[in-house]
C-alpha atoms as a PDB file:
ATOM      1  CA  UNK A   1     119.670 112.732  63.030  1.00  0.00           C
ATOM      2  CA  UNK A   2     116.881 113.697  60.713  1.00  0.00           C
ATOM      3  CA  UNK A   3     117.519 113.497  57.022  1.00  0.00           C
ATOM      4  CA  UNK A   4     116.359 115.730  54.453  1.00  0.00           C
ATOM      5  CA  UNK A   5     115.943 114.752  51.301  1.00  0.00           C
ATOM      6  CA  UNK A   6     118.055 116.209  48.595  1.00  0.00           C
ATOM      7  CA  UNK A   7     117.285 118.659  45.677  1.00  0.00           C
ATOM      8  CA  UNK A   8     117.234 116.397  42.869  1.00  0.00           C
ATOM      9  CA  UNK A   9     114.440 114.126  41.528  1.00  0.00           C
ATOM     10  CA  UNK A  10     116.347 110.846  42.514  1.00  0.00           C
ATOM     11  CA  UNK A  11     114.198 109.970  45.719  1.00  0.00           C
ATOM     12  CA  UNK A  12     117.794 109.759  47.307  1.00  0.00           C
ATOM     13  CA  UNK A  13     117.923 110.325  50.839  1.00  0.00           C
ATOM     14  CA  UNK A  14     121.300 112.026  51.936  1.00  0.00           C
ATOM     15  CA  UNK A  15     123.599 110.066  54.201  1.00  0.00           C
ATOM     16  CA  UNK A  16     125.265 111.746  57.200  1.00  0.00           C
ATOM     17  CA  UNK A  17     128.514 111.989  55.383  1.00  0.00           C
ATOM     18  CA  UNK A  18     126.744 113.730  52.664  1.00  0.00           C
ATOM     19  CA  UNK A  19     124.944 116.087  54.872  1.00  0.00           C
ATOM     20  CA  UNK A  20     128.206 116.683  56.924  1.00  0.00           C
ATOM     21  CA  UNK A  21     129.779 117.687  53.798  1.00  0.00           C
ATOM     22  CA  UNK A  22     127.047 120.125  52.989  1.00  0.00           C
ATOM     23  CA  UNK A  23     127.965 121.523  56.606  1.00  0.00           C
ATOM     24  CA  UNK A  24     131.433 121.716  55.738  1.00  0.00           C
ATOM     25  CA  UNK A  25     130.661 123.893  52.512  1.00  0.00           C
ATOM     26  CA  UNK A  26     128.628 126.323  54.481  1.00  0.00           C
ATOM     27  CA  UNK A  27     131.186 126.436  57.066  1.00  0.00           C
ATOM     28  CA  UNK A  28     133.747 127.211  54.698  1.00  0.00           C
ATOM     29  CA  UNK A  29     131.407 130.248  53.317  1.00  0.00           C
ATOM     30  CA  UNK A  30     131.797 131.771  57.018  1.00  0.00           C
ATOM     31  CA  UNK A  31     135.751 131.509  56.960  1.00  0.00           C
ATOM     32  CA  UNK A  32     137.048 134.489  58.580  1.00  0.00           C
ATOM     33  CA  UNK A  33     133.657 136.169  59.268  1.00  0.00           C
ATOM     34  CA  UNK A  34     133.291 137.474  62.350  1.00  0.00           C
ATOM     35  CA  UNK A  35     129.917 136.220  64.209  1.00  0.00           C
ATOM     36  CA  UNK A  36     129.708 133.442  62.045  1.00  0.00           C
ATOM     37  CA  UNK A  37     128.694 130.976  64.620  1.00  0.00           C
ATOM     38  CA  UNK A  38     125.014 131.906  65.019  1.00  0.00           C
ATOM     39  CA  UNK A  39     124.418 131.475  61.150  1.00  0.00           C
ATOM     40  CA  UNK A  40     126.482 128.526  60.977  1.00  0.00           C
ATOM     41  CA  UNK A  41     124.294 127.020  63.836  1.00  0.00           C
ATOM     42  CA  UNK A  42     120.921 128.084  62.062  1.00  0.00           C
ATOM     43  CA  UNK A  43     122.216 126.098  58.942  1.00  0.00           C
ATOM     44  CA  UNK A  44     123.014 123.132  60.678  1.00  0.00           C
ATOM     45  CA  UNK A  45     119.693 123.027  62.560  1.00  0.00           C
ATOM     46  CA  UNK A  46     117.914 123.501  59.332  1.00  0.00           C
ATOM     47  CA  UNK A  47     120.152 120.537  57.497  1.00  0.00           C
ATOM     48  CA  UNK A  48     119.551 118.211  60.413  1.00  0.00           C
ATOM     49  CA  UNK A  49     116.137 119.330  61.789  1.00  0.00           C
ATOM     50  CA  UNK A  50     118.161 119.642  65.131  1.00  0.00           C
ATOM     51  CA  UNK A  51     121.681 120.204  66.558  1.00  0.00           C
ATOM     52  CA  UNK A  52     122.782 116.978  67.934  1.00  0.00           C
ATOM     53  CA  UNK A  53     126.148 116.626  69.988  1.00  0.00           C
ATOM     54  CA  UNK A  54     128.348 115.264  67.461  1.00  0.00           C
ATOM     55  CA  UNK A  55     127.355 118.244  65.153  1.00  0.00           C
ATOM     56  CA  UNK A  56     127.960 120.705  67.770  1.00  0.00           C
ATOM     57  CA  UNK A  57     131.400 118.854  68.388  1.00  0.00           C
ATOM     58  CA  UNK A  58     131.985 118.927  64.440  1.00  0.00           C
ATOM     59  CA  UNK A  59     131.421 122.691  64.149  1.00  0.00           C
ATOM     60  CA  UNK A  60     133.779 123.469  67.489  1.00  0.00           C
ATOM     61  CA  UNK A  61     136.573 121.328  65.669  1.00  0.00           C
ATOM     62  CA  UNK A  62     136.023 122.840  62.187  1.00  0.00           C
ATOM     63  CA  UNK A  63     135.686 126.303  63.228  1.00  0.00           C
ATOM     64  CA  UNK A  64     138.309 126.542  66.131  1.00  0.00           C
ATOM     65  CA  UNK A  65     135.788 127.472  68.478  1.00  0.00           C
ATOM     66  CA  UNK A  66     135.503 126.041  71.880  1.00  0.00           C
ATOM     67  CA  UNK A  67     133.119 123.562  72.646  1.00  0.00           C
ATOM     68  CA  UNK A  68     131.767 125.339  75.680  1.00  0.00           C
ATOM     69  CA  UNK A  69     131.329 128.478  73.705  1.00  0.00           C
ATOM     70  CA  UNK A  70     129.285 126.388  70.768  1.00  0.00           C
ATOM     71  CA  UNK A  71     126.900 125.085  73.688  1.00  0.00           C
ATOM     72  CA  UNK A  72     126.712 128.106  75.239  1.00  0.00           C
ATOM     73  CA  UNK A  73     125.293 129.820  72.108  1.00  0.00           C
ATOM     74  CA  UNK A  74     122.836 126.745  71.863  1.00  0.00           C
ATOM     75  CA  UNK A  75     121.530 126.986  75.456  1.00  0.00           C
ATOM     76  CA  UNK A  76     121.053 130.746  75.314  1.00  0.00           C
ATOM     77  CA  UNK A  77     118.969 131.120  72.311  1.00  0.00           C
ATOM     78  CA  UNK A  78     115.940 129.432  72.617  1.00  0.00           C
ATOM     79  CA  UNK A  79     115.684 129.094  68.580  1.00  0.00           C
ATOM     80  CA  UNK A  80     118.181 126.177  68.708  1.00  0.00           C
ATOM     81  CA  UNK A  81     117.214 122.722  69.777  1.00  0.00           C
ATOM     82  CA  UNK A  82     119.294 119.820  70.646  1.00  0.00           C
ATOM     83  CA  UNK A  83     116.948 117.313  70.513  1.00  0.00           C
ATOM     84  CA  UNK A  84     114.586 116.337  67.280  1.00  0.00           C
ATOM     85  CA  UNK A  85     111.939 118.675  66.806  1.00  0.00           C
ATOM     86  CA  UNK A  86     108.610 117.650  64.919  1.00  0.00           C
ATOM     87  CA  UNK A  87     107.840 118.630  61.423  1.00  0.00           C
ATOM     88  CA  UNK A  88     105.314 121.221  62.936  1.00  0.00           C
ATOM     89  CA  UNK A  89     105.983 123.473  65.780  1.00  0.00           C
ATOM     90  CA  UNK A  90     103.312 124.162  67.975  1.00  0.00           C
ATOM     91  CA  UNK A  91     103.556 127.433  70.279  1.00  0.00           C
ATOM     92  CA  UNK A  92     100.848 128.470  72.852  1.00  0.00           C
ATOM     93  CA  UNK A  93     101.237 132.205  73.885  1.00  0.00           C
ATOM     94  CA  UNK A  94     101.026 132.640  77.851  1.00  0.00           C
ATOM     95  CA  UNK A  95     101.750 136.260  77.501  1.00  0.00           C
ATOM     96  CA  UNK A  96      99.127 138.007  80.129  1.00  0.00           C
ATOM     97  CA  UNK A  97      96.426 138.841  77.643  1.00  0.00           C
ATOM     98  CA  UNK A  98      96.445 135.098  76.415  1.00  0.00           C
ATOM     99  CA  UNK A  99      96.537 133.541  79.791  1.00  0.00           C
ATOM    100  CA  UNK A 100      93.942 135.553  81.115  1.00  0.00           C
ATOM    101  CA  UNK A 101      91.610 134.703  78.114  1.00  0.00           C
ATOM    102  CA  UNK A 102      92.224 130.893  78.425  1.00  0.00           C
ATOM    103  CA  UNK A 103      96.153 129.968  77.063  1.00  0.00           C
ATOM    104  CA  UNK A 104      96.544 127.957  80.034  1.00  0.00           C
ATOM    105  CA  UNK A 105      93.252 125.664  79.145  1.00  0.00           C
ATOM    106  CA  UNK A 106      94.514 125.900  75.287  1.00  0.00           C
ATOM    107  CA  UNK A 107      97.953 124.641  76.598  1.00  0.00           C
ATOM    108  CA  UNK A 108      96.595 122.056  78.565  1.00  0.00           C
ATOM    109  CA  UNK A 109      94.401 120.977  75.762  1.00  0.00           C
ATOM    110  CA  UNK A 110      97.448 120.692  73.601  1.00  0.00           C
ATOM    111  CA  UNK A 111      99.052 118.645  75.912  1.00  0.00           C
ATOM    112  CA  UNK A 112      96.203 116.075  76.207  1.00  0.00           C
ATOM    113  CA  UNK A 113      95.450 116.007  72.529  1.00  0.00           C
ATOM    114  CA  UNK A 114      99.389 115.237  71.559  1.00  0.00           C
ATOM    115  CA  UNK A 115     100.120 113.459  74.515  1.00  0.00           C
ATOM    116  CA  UNK A 116     103.428 115.556  75.306  1.00  0.00           C
ATOM    117  CA  UNK A 117     104.548 117.926  77.826  1.00  0.00           C
ATOM    118  CA  UNK A 118     105.834 121.315  76.856  1.00  0.00           C
ATOM    119  CA  UNK A 119     109.292 120.754  75.115  1.00  0.00           C
ATOM    120  CA  UNK A 120     108.394 117.236  74.098  1.00  0.00           C
ATOM    121  CA  UNK A 121     107.796 115.868  70.657  1.00  0.00           C
ATOM    122  CA  UNK A 122     105.292 113.304  69.566  1.00  0.00           C
ATOM    123  CA  UNK A 123     106.555 109.913  68.932  1.00  0.00           C
ATOM    124  CA  UNK A 124     105.816 110.268  64.955  1.00  0.00           C
ATOM    125  CA  UNK A 125     107.981 113.566  65.164  1.00  0.00           C
ATOM    126  CA  UNK A 126     104.973 115.273  63.710  1.00  0.00           C
ATOM    127  CA  UNK A 127     104.548 117.704  66.519  1.00  0.00           C
ATOM    128  CA  UNK A 128     106.584 119.435  69.226  1.00  0.00           C
ATOM    129  CA  UNK A 129     105.049 121.779  71.926  1.00  0.00           C
ATOM    130  CA  UNK A 130     106.271 125.015  72.950  1.00  0.00           C
ATOM    131  CA  UNK A 131     104.905 127.972  75.048  1.00  0.00           C
ATOM    132  CA  UNK A 132     105.513 131.760  73.803  1.00  0.00           C
ATOM    133  CA  UNK A 133     105.398 134.883  76.392  1.00  0.00           C
ATOM    134  CA  UNK A 134     103.978 136.989  73.960  1.00  0.00           C
ATOM    135  CA  UNK A 135     103.275 137.178  70.053  1.00  0.00           C
ATOM    136  CA  UNK A 136     102.215 140.907  69.663  1.00  0.00           C
ATOM    137  CA  UNK A 137      98.524 140.108  69.084  1.00  0.00           C
ATOM    138  CA  UNK A 138      96.770 140.630  72.305  1.00  0.00           C
ATOM    139  CA  UNK A 139      93.597 141.825  70.913  1.00  0.00           C
ATOM    140  CA  UNK A 140      93.161 138.238  69.465  1.00  0.00           C
ATOM    141  CA  UNK A 141      94.087 136.097  72.901  1.00  0.00           C
ATOM    142  CA  UNK A 142      94.508 133.622  73.143  1.00  0.00           C
ATOM    143  CA  UNK A 143      97.005 133.053  70.304  1.00  0.00           C
ATOM    144  CA  UNK A 144      98.687 129.573  69.119  1.00  0.00           C
ATOM    145  CA  UNK A 145     101.385 129.779  66.494  1.00  0.00           C
ATOM    146  CA  UNK A 146     101.819 126.433  64.323  1.00  0.00           C
ATOM    147  CA  UNK A 147     104.952 126.872  62.181  1.00  0.00           C
ATOM    148  CA  UNK A 148     104.421 130.507  60.940  1.00  0.00           C
ATOM    149  CA  UNK A 149     100.623 130.666  61.090  1.00  0.00           C
ATOM    150  CA  UNK A 150      98.779 132.364  63.493  1.00  0.00           C
ATOM    151  CA  UNK A 151      95.547 130.893  64.982  1.00  0.00           C
ATOM    152  CA  UNK A 152      93.504 133.824  66.974  1.00  0.00           C
ATOM    153  CA  UNK A 153      90.780 132.994  69.489  1.00  0.00           C
ATOM    154  CA  UNK A 154      91.479 129.817  69.745  1.00  0.00           C
ATOM    155  CA  UNK A 155      89.189 127.454  72.098  1.00  0.00           C
ATOM    156  CA  UNK A 156      90.288 124.084  73.399  1.00  0.00           C
ATOM    157  CA  UNK A 157      87.164 122.659  71.745  1.00  0.00           C
ATOM    158  CA  UNK A 158      88.762 123.579  68.316  1.00  0.00           C
ATOM    159  CA  UNK A 159      92.419 121.989  68.841  1.00  0.00           C
ATOM    160  CA  UNK A 160      91.742 118.505  67.244  1.00  0.00           C
ATOM    161  CA  UNK A 161      90.468 120.458  63.751  1.00  0.00           C
ATOM    162  CA  UNK A 162      93.425 122.821  63.978  1.00  0.00           C
ATOM    163  CA  UNK A 163      95.837 119.599  64.551  1.00  0.00           C
ATOM    164  CA  UNK A 164      94.139 117.638  61.776  1.00  0.00           C
ATOM    165  CA  UNK A 165      94.863 120.488  59.209  1.00  0.00           C
ATOM    166  CA  UNK A 166      98.653 120.015  59.749  1.00  0.00           C
ATOM    167  CA  UNK A 167      98.607 116.054  59.583  1.00  0.00           C
ATOM    168  CA  UNK A 168      98.936 114.216  56.290  1.00  0.00           C
ATOM    169  CA  UNK A 169      95.903 112.809  54.888  1.00  0.00           C
ATOM    170  CA  UNK A 170      96.539 109.258  55.698  1.00  0.00           C
ATOM    171  CA  UNK A 171      96.940 110.515  59.595  1.00  0.00           C
ATOM    172  CA  UNK A 172      93.531 112.192  59.717  1.00  0.00           C
ATOM    173  CA  UNK A 173      91.923 108.977  58.420  1.00  0.00           C
ATOM    174  CA  UNK A 174      93.573 106.502  60.975  1.00  0.00           C
ATOM    175  CA  UNK A 175      93.033 109.015  63.636  1.00  0.00           C
END
């Protein structure tokens, strides 16, 4: 499981037990609230970085919701991930306008640059690659979103430059 650092200034990485305790506090806050499963899952994913099976089972037991219902919600919504995701999520639009204006080539360029396929995450967990169907920016096609940043009129020749802007300084120096 991905460990998030705590909010204190002690450089302490929380243990799995501490993170599960935090999750339990979140679940307690939703006790008796209808429709609480999705916000609890969102909080768990923010806490752990993804939704590992052990956490899904814990949520199922703690909230007294059948495991099949929990996994059904997770598999239905594309926002949720049961595999570790990268620090930076690269989403390439393949809606009609983006596809026609070179989105397919941009996607292939990201696959080549990152060495992963759609749905994959780089070994260093720096990047995950996803496809989107429409980002509502057809006039700017092809469009790529990295995290919450929109990149417009993206050309395959500019991908390395775009990716480097999301890497840490030491990674850029060694690449």
